[in-house]
Amino acid sequence: MDIDGLRPTTDRVKETLFNWIMFDVAGANVLDCFAGSGALAFEALSRGANQLTMLELSNSAANQLKQNLASLNVTNDVQCQIITTDSQKYLANPATQQYDLIFIDPPFRKNLLTPCCELLSHNNWLAANAFIYVEHEKELTSFTPPENWQLLKSQSAGQSCYHLYQYQPQ
């Protein structure tokens, strides 16, 4: 997908992430907050996710995601939706459902990470014990996750840092 500003998660990072969560994807309800190329969401789908919601601001990226989804011949047992929207505006609403696995990989240097994480927690989008994957630029040093997110794993590669958290309801 050749869309300006799109920075898909590398295969190496994706492999590490799915090794971390390999036993928790099957049957999961998945939310990809900044879908982009859809690499993470489609990987979750291929590993047995039950439901998939992808949020994407770019019309052209969302249209490409829809074409890619159509080519996958997903069975009727799996619900997939691609929503062309601003993630923060979408997540500012009360949750319409809760998710077991959340991907947060916003465009770098746009100050979207912290507000997105806060909205997910405050508006009840996270299922009990949900896993939250966060990817951000290495130079970002000011990110502090919500208090009830427990850090499970953390690594860096290239220009990115990536972390796996688990939501601990209070």
N, C-alpha and C. Protein backbone atom coordinates (compact mmCIF):
# COMPACT_ATOMS: atom_id res chain seq x y z
N MET A 1 0.85 -1.17 0.00
CA MET A 1 0.00 0.00 0.00
C MET A 1 0.90 1.23 0.00
N ASP A 2 0.76 2.08 -1.00
CA ASP A 2 1.62 3.25 -1.13
C ASP A 2 0.81 4.50 -0.79
N ILE A 3 0.70 4.78 0.50
CA ILE A 3 -0.05 5.94 0.98
C ILE A 3 0.88 6.76 1.83
N ASP A 4 0.92 8.05 1.56
CA ASP A 4 1.83 8.96 2.26
C ASP A 4 1.67 8.85 3.77
N GLY A 5 2.78 8.67 4.47
CA GLY A 5 2.77 8.62 5.92
C GLY A 5 2.50 7.25 6.51
N LEU A 6 2.13 6.28 5.67
CA LEU A 6 1.83 4.94 6.17
C LEU A 6 3.14 4.22 6.48
N ARG A 7 3.22 3.64 7.67
CA ARG A 7 4.43 3.00 8.15
C ARG A 7 4.03 1.65 8.76
N PRO A 8 3.88 0.62 7.92
CA PRO A 8 3.45 -0.67 8.46
C PRO A 8 4.45 -1.25 9.46
N THR A 9 3.93 -1.97 10.43
CA THR A 9 4.77 -2.68 11.38
C THR A 9 5.63 -3.68 10.62
N THR A 10 6.91 -3.73 10.93
CA THR A 10 7.81 -4.64 10.21
C THR A 10 7.46 -6.09 10.51
N ASP A 11 7.85 -6.97 9.60
CA ASP A 11 7.59 -8.40 9.79
C ASP A 11 8.25 -8.91 11.07
N ARG A 12 9.44 -8.43 11.35
CA ARG A 12 10.17 -8.87 12.55
C ARG A 12 9.40 -8.50 13.83
N VAL A 13 8.92 -7.28 13.88
CA VAL A 13 8.16 -6.83 15.05
C VAL A 13 6.84 -7.58 15.14
N LYS A 14 6.18 -7.75 14.00
CA LYS A 14 4.90 -8.47 13.98
C LYS A 14 5.09 -9.91 14.48
N GLU A 15 6.16 -10.56 14.06
CA GLU A 15 6.44 -11.93 14.51
C GLU A 15 6.65 -11.97 16.02
N THR A 16 7.40 -11.01 16.55
CA THR A 16 7.62 -10.95 17.99
C THR A 16 6.31 -10.76 18.74
N LEU A 17 5.50 -9.82 18.28
CA LEU A 17 4.21 -9.56 18.92
C LEU A 17 3.35 -10.82 18.96
N PHE A 18 3.22 -11.49 17.83
CA PHE A 18 2.33 -12.65 17.80
C PHE A 18 2.92 -13.85 18.52
N ASN A 19 4.23 -13.89 18.72
CA ASN A 19 4.81 -14.90 19.62
C ASN A 19 4.40 -14.60 21.06
N TRP A 20 4.36 -13.32 21.42
CA TRP A 20 3.95 -12.93 22.77
C TRP A 20 2.51 -13.32 23.07
N ILE A 21 1.63 -13.18 22.07
CA ILE A 21 0.19 -13.35 22.33
C ILE A 21 -0.40 -14.58 21.64
N MET A 22 0.44 -15.51 21.23
CA MET A 22 -0.01 -16.63 20.40
C MET A 22 -1.19 -17.40 20.96
N PHE A 23 -1.33 -17.48 22.26
CA PHE A 23 -2.42 -18.26 22.84
C PHE A 23 -3.65 -17.42 23.15
N ASP A 24 -3.61 -16.14 22.82
CA ASP A 24 -4.69 -15.23 23.20
C ASP A 24 -5.42 -14.62 22.01
N VAL A 25 -5.08 -15.01 20.81
CA VAL A 25 -5.70 -14.41 19.62
C VAL A 25 -6.96 -15.15 19.21
N ALA A 26 -6.93 -16.48 19.23
CA ALA A 26 -8.08 -17.26 18.78
C ALA A 26 -9.31 -16.90 19.61
N GLY A 27 -10.38 -16.55 18.92
CA GLY A 27 -11.63 -16.19 19.57
C GLY A 27 -11.71 -14.77 20.08
N ALA A 28 -10.65 -13.99 19.91
CA ALA A 28 -10.60 -12.63 20.46
C ALA A 28 -11.41 -11.65 19.62
N ASN A 29 -11.93 -10.63 20.30
CA ASN A 29 -12.49 -9.45 19.65
C ASN A 29 -11.36 -8.44 19.56
N VAL A 30 -11.02 -8.03 18.35
CA VAL A 30 -9.82 -7.23 18.10
C VAL A 30 -10.19 -5.83 17.60
N LEU A 31 -9.51 -4.83 18.15
CA LEU A 31 -9.65 -3.45 17.70
C LEU A 31 -8.29 -2.94 17.26
N ASP A 32 -8.21 -2.46 16.02
CA ASP A 32 -6.99 -1.83 15.52
C ASP A 32 -7.30 -0.34 15.39
N CYS A 33 -6.72 0.46 16.29
CA CYS A 33 -7.07 1.88 16.39
C CYS A 33 -6.55 2.74 15.25
N PHE A 34 -5.47 2.34 14.64
CA PHE A 34 -4.87 3.07 13.51
C PHE A 34 -4.48 2.01 12.49
N ALA A 35 -5.45 1.51 11.74
CA ALA A 35 -5.27 0.29 10.95
C ALA A 35 -4.20 0.39 9.88
N GLY A 36 -4.09 1.52 9.21
CA GLY A 36 -3.06 1.67 8.18
C GLY A 36 -3.13 0.59 7.13
N SER A 37 -2.11 -0.23 7.03
CA SER A 37 -2.07 -1.32 6.05
C SER A 37 -2.91 -2.52 6.49
N GLY A 38 -3.28 -2.57 7.76
CA GLY A 38 -4.05 -3.69 8.27
C GLY A 38 -3.21 -4.90 8.63
N ALA A 39 -1.88 -4.76 8.60
CA ALA A 39 -0.99 -5.91 8.82
C ALA A 39 -1.27 -6.61 10.14
N LEU A 40 -1.42 -5.85 11.22
CA LEU A 40 -1.65 -6.48 12.53
C LEU A 40 -3.04 -7.10 12.61
N ALA A 41 -4.04 -6.38 12.14
CA ALA A 41 -5.41 -6.88 12.21
C ALA A 41 -5.59 -8.13 11.35
N PHE A 42 -5.06 -8.11 10.14
CA PHE A 42 -5.20 -9.27 9.26
C PHE A 42 -4.42 -10.47 9.80
N GLU A 43 -3.30 -10.21 10.45
CA GLU A 43 -2.56 -11.32 11.08
C GLU A 43 -3.39 -11.93 12.20
N ALA A 44 -4.04 -11.09 13.01
CA ALA A 44 -4.91 -11.60 14.07
C ALA A 44 -6.05 -12.42 13.48
N LEU A 45 -6.60 -11.94 12.39
CA LEU A 45 -7.67 -12.66 11.71
C LEU A 45 -7.20 -14.03 11.25
N SER A 46 -5.99 -14.09 10.70
CA SER A 46 -5.45 -15.36 10.21
C SER A 46 -5.17 -16.34 11.35
N ARG A 47 -5.06 -15.81 12.57
CA ARG A 47 -4.78 -16.66 13.73
C ARG A 47 -6.03 -16.94 14.56
N GLY A 48 -7.20 -16.68 13.99
CA GLY A 48 -8.44 -17.12 14.63
C GLY A 48 -9.21 -16.08 15.40
N ALA A 49 -8.91 -14.80 15.23
CA ALA A 49 -9.72 -13.77 15.90
C ALA A 49 -11.17 -13.93 15.48
N ASN A 50 -12.07 -13.68 16.41
CA ASN A 50 -13.50 -13.87 16.19
C ASN A 50 -14.16 -12.65 15.57
N GLN A 51 -13.67 -11.48 15.95
CA GLN A 51 -14.28 -10.22 15.51
C GLN A 51 -13.17 -9.20 15.33
N LEU A 52 -13.29 -8.38 14.30
CA LEU A 52 -12.24 -7.44 13.95
C LEU A 52 -12.85 -6.09 13.61
N THR A 53 -12.38 -5.05 14.28
CA THR A 53 -12.78 -3.68 13.96
C THR A 53 -11.51 -2.89 13.67
N MET A 54 -11.46 -2.28 12.49
CA MET A 54 -10.31 -1.48 12.10
C MET A 54 -10.76 -0.03 11.92
N LEU A 55 -10.06 0.88 12.60
CA LEU A 55 -10.32 2.31 12.47
C LEU A 55 -9.22 2.91 11.62
N GLU A 56 -9.60 3.69 10.62
CA GLU A 56 -8.61 4.30 9.73
C GLU A 56 -9.13 5.64 9.25
N LEU A 57 -8.32 6.68 9.41
CA LEU A 57 -8.70 8.03 9.02
C LEU A 57 -8.63 8.25 7.50
N SER A 58 -7.64 7.69 6.85
CA SER A 58 -7.43 7.90 5.42
C SER A 58 -8.46 7.13 4.59
N ASN A 59 -9.17 7.85 3.73
CA ASN A 59 -10.14 7.20 2.84
C ASN A 59 -9.45 6.20 1.93
N SER A 60 -8.31 6.56 1.37
CA SER A 60 -7.64 5.66 0.44
C SER A 60 -7.14 4.41 1.15
N ALA A 61 -6.61 4.56 2.36
CA ALA A 61 -6.16 3.38 3.12
C ALA A 61 -7.36 2.51 3.49
N ALA A 62 -8.46 3.12 3.92
CA ALA A 62 -9.66 2.35 4.28
C ALA A 62 -10.20 1.59 3.07
N ASN A 63 -10.21 2.23 1.91
CA ASN A 63 -10.68 1.55 0.70
C ASN A 63 -9.78 0.37 0.36
N GLN A 64 -8.47 0.54 0.53
CA GLN A 64 -7.54 -0.57 0.27
C GLN A 64 -7.76 -1.69 1.27
N LEU A 65 -8.01 -1.35 2.53
CA LEU A 65 -8.30 -2.36 3.54
C LEU A 65 -9.54 -3.17 3.16
N LYS A 66 -10.57 -2.49 2.67
CA LYS A 66 -11.80 -3.18 2.26
C LYS A 66 -11.53 -4.13 1.10
N GLN A 67 -10.72 -3.69 0.15
CA GLN A 67 -10.36 -4.57 -0.98
C GLN A 67 -9.57 -5.78 -0.48
N ASN A 68 -8.63 -5.55 0.41
CA ASN A 68 -7.83 -6.65 0.95
C ASN A 68 -8.70 -7.62 1.73
N LEU A 69 -9.63 -7.11 2.51
CA LEU A 69 -10.53 -7.96 3.28
C LEU A 69 -11.38 -8.81 2.34
N ALA A 70 -11.90 -8.20 1.29
CA ALA A 70 -12.72 -8.94 0.33
C ALA A 70 -11.94 -10.08 -0.32
N SER A 71 -10.65 -9.87 -0.55
CA SER A 71 -9.83 -10.90 -1.19
C SER A 71 -9.50 -12.06 -0.25
N LEU A 72 -9.72 -11.88 1.05
CA LEU A 72 -9.40 -12.93 2.02
C LEU A 72 -10.48 -13.99 2.13
N ASN A 73 -11.65 -13.74 1.55
CA ASN A 73 -12.76 -14.70 1.63
C ASN A 73 -13.04 -15.13 3.06
N VAL A 74 -13.25 -14.15 3.92
CA VAL A 74 -13.52 -14.41 5.34
C VAL A 74 -14.87 -15.09 5.48
N THR A 75 -14.95 -16.11 6.33
CA THR A 75 -16.20 -16.83 6.53
C THR A 75 -17.21 -15.96 7.28
N ASN A 76 -18.46 -16.34 7.20
CA ASN A 76 -19.52 -15.60 7.88
C ASN A 76 -19.43 -15.69 9.39
N ASP A 77 -18.63 -16.63 9.90
CA ASP A 77 -18.48 -16.78 11.35
C ASP A 77 -17.69 -15.63 11.96
N VAL A 78 -16.94 -14.92 11.14
CA VAL A 78 -16.08 -13.84 11.63
C VAL A 78 -16.68 -12.51 11.20
N GLN A 79 -16.82 -11.61 12.16
CA GLN A 79 -17.33 -10.27 11.86
C GLN A 79 -16.14 -9.34 11.66
N CYS A 80 -16.13 -8.63 10.54
CA CYS A 80 -15.08 -7.67 10.25
C CYS A 80 -15.72 -6.36 9.83
N GLN A 81 -15.23 -5.29 10.41
CA GLN A 81 -15.68 -3.98 9.95
C GLN A 81 -14.50 -3.03 9.87
N ILE A 82 -14.54 -2.22 8.83
CA ILE A 82 -13.54 -1.19 8.61
C ILE A 82 -14.28 0.14 8.67
N ILE A 83 -13.90 0.98 9.60
CA ILE A 83 -14.59 2.24 9.82
C ILE A 83 -13.65 3.38 9.47
N THR A 84 -14.06 4.20 8.51
CA THR A 84 -13.27 5.37 8.13
C THR A 84 -13.62 6.49 9.11
N THR A 85 -12.70 6.75 10.03
CA THR A 85 -12.99 7.70 11.11
C THR A 85 -11.70 8.16 11.76
N ASP A 86 -11.82 9.23 12.49
CA ASP A 86 -10.76 9.70 13.38
C ASP A 86 -10.84 8.83 14.64
N SER A 87 -9.80 8.11 14.95
CA SER A 87 -9.82 7.18 16.09
C SER A 87 -10.19 7.87 17.39
N GLN A 88 -9.65 9.05 17.63
CA GLN A 88 -9.93 9.72 18.89
C GLN A 88 -11.39 10.12 19.00
N LYS A 89 -11.98 10.58 17.91
CA LYS A 89 -13.40 10.93 17.95
C LYS A 89 -14.25 9.68 18.18
N TYR A 90 -13.88 8.59 17.53
CA TYR A 90 -14.62 7.34 17.68
C TYR A 90 -14.53 6.83 19.12
N LEU A 91 -13.33 6.83 19.68
CA LEU A 91 -13.12 6.30 21.03
C LEU A 91 -13.61 7.24 22.12
N ALA A 92 -13.90 8.49 21.77
CA ALA A 92 -14.43 9.45 22.75
C ALA A 92 -15.87 9.12 23.13
N ASN A 93 -16.52 8.29 22.33
CA ASN A 93 -17.88 7.86 22.62
C ASN A 93 -17.87 6.71 23.62
N PRO A 94 -18.99 6.51 24.33
CA PRO A 94 -19.07 5.33 25.20
C PRO A 94 -18.91 4.06 24.35
N ALA A 95 -18.28 3.07 24.91
CA ALA A 95 -18.01 1.83 24.18
C ALA A 95 -19.29 1.16 23.71
N THR A 96 -19.26 0.68 22.48
CA THR A 96 -20.36 -0.10 21.94
C THR A 96 -20.11 -1.59 22.17
N GLN A 97 -18.88 -1.93 22.47
CA GLN A 97 -18.50 -3.28 22.84
C GLN A 97 -17.11 -3.21 23.47
N GLN A 98 -16.68 -4.32 24.06
CA GLN A 98 -15.35 -4.37 24.66
C GLN A 98 -14.47 -5.31 23.84
N TYR A 99 -13.18 -5.01 23.85
CA TYR A 99 -12.23 -5.75 23.03
C TYR A 99 -11.20 -6.46 23.90
N ASP A 100 -10.79 -7.65 23.43
CA ASP A 100 -9.81 -8.48 24.13
C ASP A 100 -8.38 -8.17 23.71
N LEU A 101 -8.22 -7.66 22.50
CA LEU A 101 -6.90 -7.39 21.93
C LEU A 101 -6.98 -6.08 21.16
N ILE A 102 -6.12 -5.14 21.53
CA ILE A 102 -6.15 -3.81 20.94
C ILE A 102 -4.76 -3.49 20.40
N PHE A 103 -4.73 -3.00 19.16
CA PHE A 103 -3.48 -2.54 18.55
C PHE A 103 -3.51 -1.02 18.49
N ILE A 104 -2.46 -0.39 19.02
CA ILE A 104 -2.33 1.07 18.98
C ILE A 104 -0.97 1.39 18.38
N ASP A 105 -0.98 1.72 17.13
CA ASP A 105 0.25 2.04 16.39
C ASP A 105 -0.03 3.30 15.57
N PRO A 106 -0.12 4.45 16.24
CA PRO A 106 -0.50 5.69 15.54
C PRO A 106 0.64 6.22 14.68
N PRO A 107 0.30 7.12 13.76
CA PRO A 107 1.36 7.80 13.01
C PRO A 107 2.34 8.46 13.98
N PHE A 108 3.60 8.36 13.67
CA PHE A 108 4.63 8.94 14.53
C PHE A 108 4.55 10.47 14.54
N ARG A 109 4.95 11.02 15.67
CA ARG A 109 5.10 12.48 15.85
C ARG A 109 3.81 13.26 15.65
N LYS A 110 2.67 12.66 16.01
CA LYS A 110 1.38 13.35 15.88
C LYS A 110 0.69 13.51 17.24
N ASN A 111 1.34 13.06 18.32
CA ASN A 111 0.77 13.17 19.67
C ASN A 111 -0.60 12.51 19.79
N LEU A 112 -0.74 11.33 19.22
CA LEU A 112 -2.01 10.60 19.25
C LEU A 112 -2.03 9.47 20.28
N LEU A 113 -0.87 9.02 20.71
CA LEU A 113 -0.79 7.83 21.54
C LEU A 113 -1.46 7.99 22.90
N THR A 114 -1.04 8.96 23.67
CA THR A 114 -1.58 9.12 25.03
C THR A 114 -3.08 9.36 25.03
N PRO A 115 -3.60 10.29 24.21
CA PRO A 115 -5.06 10.48 24.21
C PRO A 115 -5.83 9.22 23.83
N CYS A 116 -5.31 8.46 22.88
CA CYS A 116 -5.97 7.22 22.48
C CYS A 116 -6.04 6.24 23.64
N CYS A 117 -4.94 6.06 24.34
CA CYS A 117 -4.89 5.13 25.47
C CYS A 117 -5.85 5.57 26.57
N GLU A 118 -5.88 6.85 26.85
CA GLU A 118 -6.79 7.36 27.88
C GLU A 118 -8.24 7.13 27.51
N LEU A 119 -8.60 7.37 26.25
CA LEU A 119 -9.97 7.16 25.80
C LEU A 119 -10.38 5.69 25.89
N LEU A 120 -9.48 4.80 25.51
CA LEU A 120 -9.78 3.37 25.61
C LEU A 120 -10.12 2.98 27.05
N SER A 121 -9.35 3.48 27.99
CA SER A 121 -9.57 3.15 29.40
C SER A 121 -10.81 3.82 29.97
N HIS A 122 -10.93 5.12 29.72
CA HIS A 122 -12.01 5.89 30.35
C HIS A 122 -13.39 5.58 29.79
N ASN A 123 -13.47 5.14 28.55
CA ASN A 123 -14.77 4.92 27.93
C ASN A 123 -15.15 3.45 27.81
N ASN A 124 -14.45 2.60 28.57
CA ASN A 124 -14.86 1.21 28.74
C ASN A 124 -14.75 0.35 27.48
N TRP A 125 -13.74 0.58 26.66
CA TRP A 125 -13.54 -0.20 25.45
C TRP A 125 -12.78 -1.50 25.72
N LEU A 126 -12.17 -1.64 26.88
CA LEU A 126 -11.29 -2.78 27.17
C LEU A 126 -12.00 -3.85 27.97
N ALA A 127 -11.96 -5.07 27.48
CA ALA A 127 -12.48 -6.21 28.24
C ALA A 127 -11.53 -6.47 29.41
N ALA A 128 -12.03 -7.12 30.44
CA ALA A 128 -11.18 -7.48 31.57
C ALA A 128 -10.00 -8.30 31.06
N ASN A 129 -8.81 -7.93 31.48
CA ASN A 129 -7.57 -8.62 31.12
C ASN A 129 -7.21 -8.52 29.64
N ALA A 130 -7.72 -7.51 28.97
CA ALA A 130 -7.40 -7.29 27.55
C ALA A 130 -5.91 -7.06 27.38
N PHE A 131 -5.41 -7.48 26.22
CA PHE A 131 -4.02 -7.21 25.85
C PHE A 131 -4.00 -5.98 24.95
N ILE A 132 -3.06 -5.07 25.22
CA ILE A 132 -2.93 -3.84 24.45
C ILE A 132 -1.51 -3.77 23.91
N TYR A 133 -1.40 -3.74 22.59
CA TYR A 133 -0.11 -3.59 21.93
C TYR A 133 0.06 -2.13 21.55
N VAL A 134 1.19 -1.54 21.95
CA VAL A 134 1.49 -0.13 21.68
C VAL A 134 2.82 -0.06 20.94
N GLU A 135 2.82 0.69 19.84
CA GLU A 135 4.06 0.92 19.10
C GLU A 135 4.22 2.43 18.91
N HIS A 136 5.43 2.92 19.15
CA HIS A 136 5.67 4.36 19.00
C HIS A 136 7.12 4.61 18.60
N GLU A 137 7.38 5.84 18.21
CA GLU A 137 8.73 6.23 17.79
C GLU A 137 9.67 6.18 19.00
N LYS A 138 10.91 5.80 18.74
CA LYS A 138 11.91 5.64 19.80
C LYS A 138 12.13 6.92 20.60
N GLU A 139 12.08 8.06 19.93
CA GLU A 139 12.39 9.30 20.64
C GLU A 139 11.27 9.77 21.57
N LEU A 140 10.12 9.12 21.54
CA LEU A 140 9.03 9.48 22.45
C LEU A 140 9.37 8.98 23.85
N THR A 141 9.60 9.90 24.75
CA THR A 141 9.98 9.51 26.12
C THR A 141 8.91 9.90 27.13
N SER A 142 7.87 10.57 26.68
CA SER A 142 6.88 11.10 27.62
C SER A 142 5.65 10.21 27.77
N PHE A 143 5.62 9.05 27.11
CA PHE A 143 4.42 8.21 27.18
C PHE A 143 4.33 7.49 28.52
N THR A 144 3.21 7.68 29.19
CA THR A 144 2.90 6.95 30.41
C THR A 144 1.54 6.30 30.20
N PRO A 145 1.47 4.98 30.25
CA PRO A 145 0.19 4.31 30.03
C PRO A 145 -0.75 4.54 31.22
N PRO A 146 -2.03 4.29 31.04
CA PRO A 146 -2.95 4.39 32.17
C PRO A 146 -2.50 3.49 33.33
N GLU A 147 -2.84 3.89 34.54
CA GLU A 147 -2.39 3.18 35.75
C GLU A 147 -2.74 1.71 35.77
N ASN A 148 -3.89 1.37 35.21
CA ASN A 148 -4.35 -0.02 35.29
C ASN A 148 -3.90 -0.86 34.09
N TRP A 149 -2.84 -0.42 33.40
CA TRP A 149 -2.22 -1.20 32.34
C TRP A 149 -0.90 -1.74 32.86
N GLN A 150 -0.79 -3.05 32.95
CA GLN A 150 0.43 -3.68 33.43
C GLN A 150 1.33 -4.01 32.24
N LEU A 151 2.57 -3.55 32.30
CA LEU A 151 3.54 -3.84 31.24
C LEU A 151 3.97 -5.31 31.33
N LEU A 152 3.80 -6.04 30.23
CA LEU A 152 4.20 -7.45 30.18
C LEU A 152 5.51 -7.64 29.42
N LYS A 153 5.64 -6.94 28.30
CA LYS A 153 6.82 -7.09 27.43
C LYS A 153 7.14 -5.74 26.80
N SER A 154 8.41 -5.54 26.49
CA SER A 154 8.83 -4.29 25.86
C SER A 154 10.12 -4.54 25.08
N GLN A 155 10.16 -4.03 23.85
CA GLN A 155 11.36 -4.15 23.02
C GLN A 155 11.44 -2.95 22.09
N SER A 156 12.56 -2.86 21.38
CA SER A 156 12.70 -1.84 20.35
C SER A 156 13.38 -2.45 19.14
N ALA A 157 13.09 -1.85 18.00
CA ALA A 157 13.71 -2.29 16.74
C ALA A 157 13.67 -1.11 15.79
N GLY A 158 14.81 -0.81 15.18
CA GLY A 158 14.85 0.30 14.24
C GLY A 158 14.44 1.60 14.90
N GLN A 159 13.45 2.27 14.33
CA GLN A 159 12.98 3.55 14.85
C GLN A 159 11.84 3.40 15.84
N SER A 160 11.45 2.16 16.17
CA SER A 160 10.25 1.92 16.97
C SER A 160 10.54 1.27 18.31
N CYS A 161 9.70 1.60 19.27
CA CYS A 161 9.60 0.87 20.53
C CYS A 161 8.22 0.24 20.54
N TYR A 162 8.13 -0.95 21.08
CA TYR A 162 6.83 -1.60 21.14
C TYR A 162 6.68 -2.31 22.47
N HIS A 163 5.44 -2.31 22.95
CA HIS A 163 5.14 -2.79 24.29
C HIS A 163 3.84 -3.59 24.28
N LEU A 164 3.77 -4.55 25.17
CA LEU A 164 2.53 -5.29 25.37
C LEU A 164 2.10 -5.06 26.81
N TYR A 165 0.87 -4.58 26.96
CA TYR A 165 0.28 -4.33 28.27
C TYR A 165 -0.92 -5.24 28.46
N GLN A 166 -1.30 -5.40 29.71
CA GLN A 166 -2.55 -6.08 30.01
C GLN A 166 -3.37 -5.19 30.92
N TYR A 167 -4.63 -5.03 30.54
CA TYR A 167 -5.55 -4.19 31.30
C TYR A 167 -5.98 -4.93 32.56
N GLN A 168 -5.82 -4.26 33.69
CA GLN A 168 -6.21 -4.82 34.99
C GLN A 168 -7.37 -3.98 35.54
N PRO A 169 -8.61 -4.45 35.40
CA PRO A 169 -9.74 -3.65 35.88
C PRO A 169 -9.60 -3.37 37.38
N GLN A 170 -10.05 -2.19 37.76
CA GLN A 170 -9.94 -1.81 39.18
C GLN A 170 -11.20 -2.16 39.93
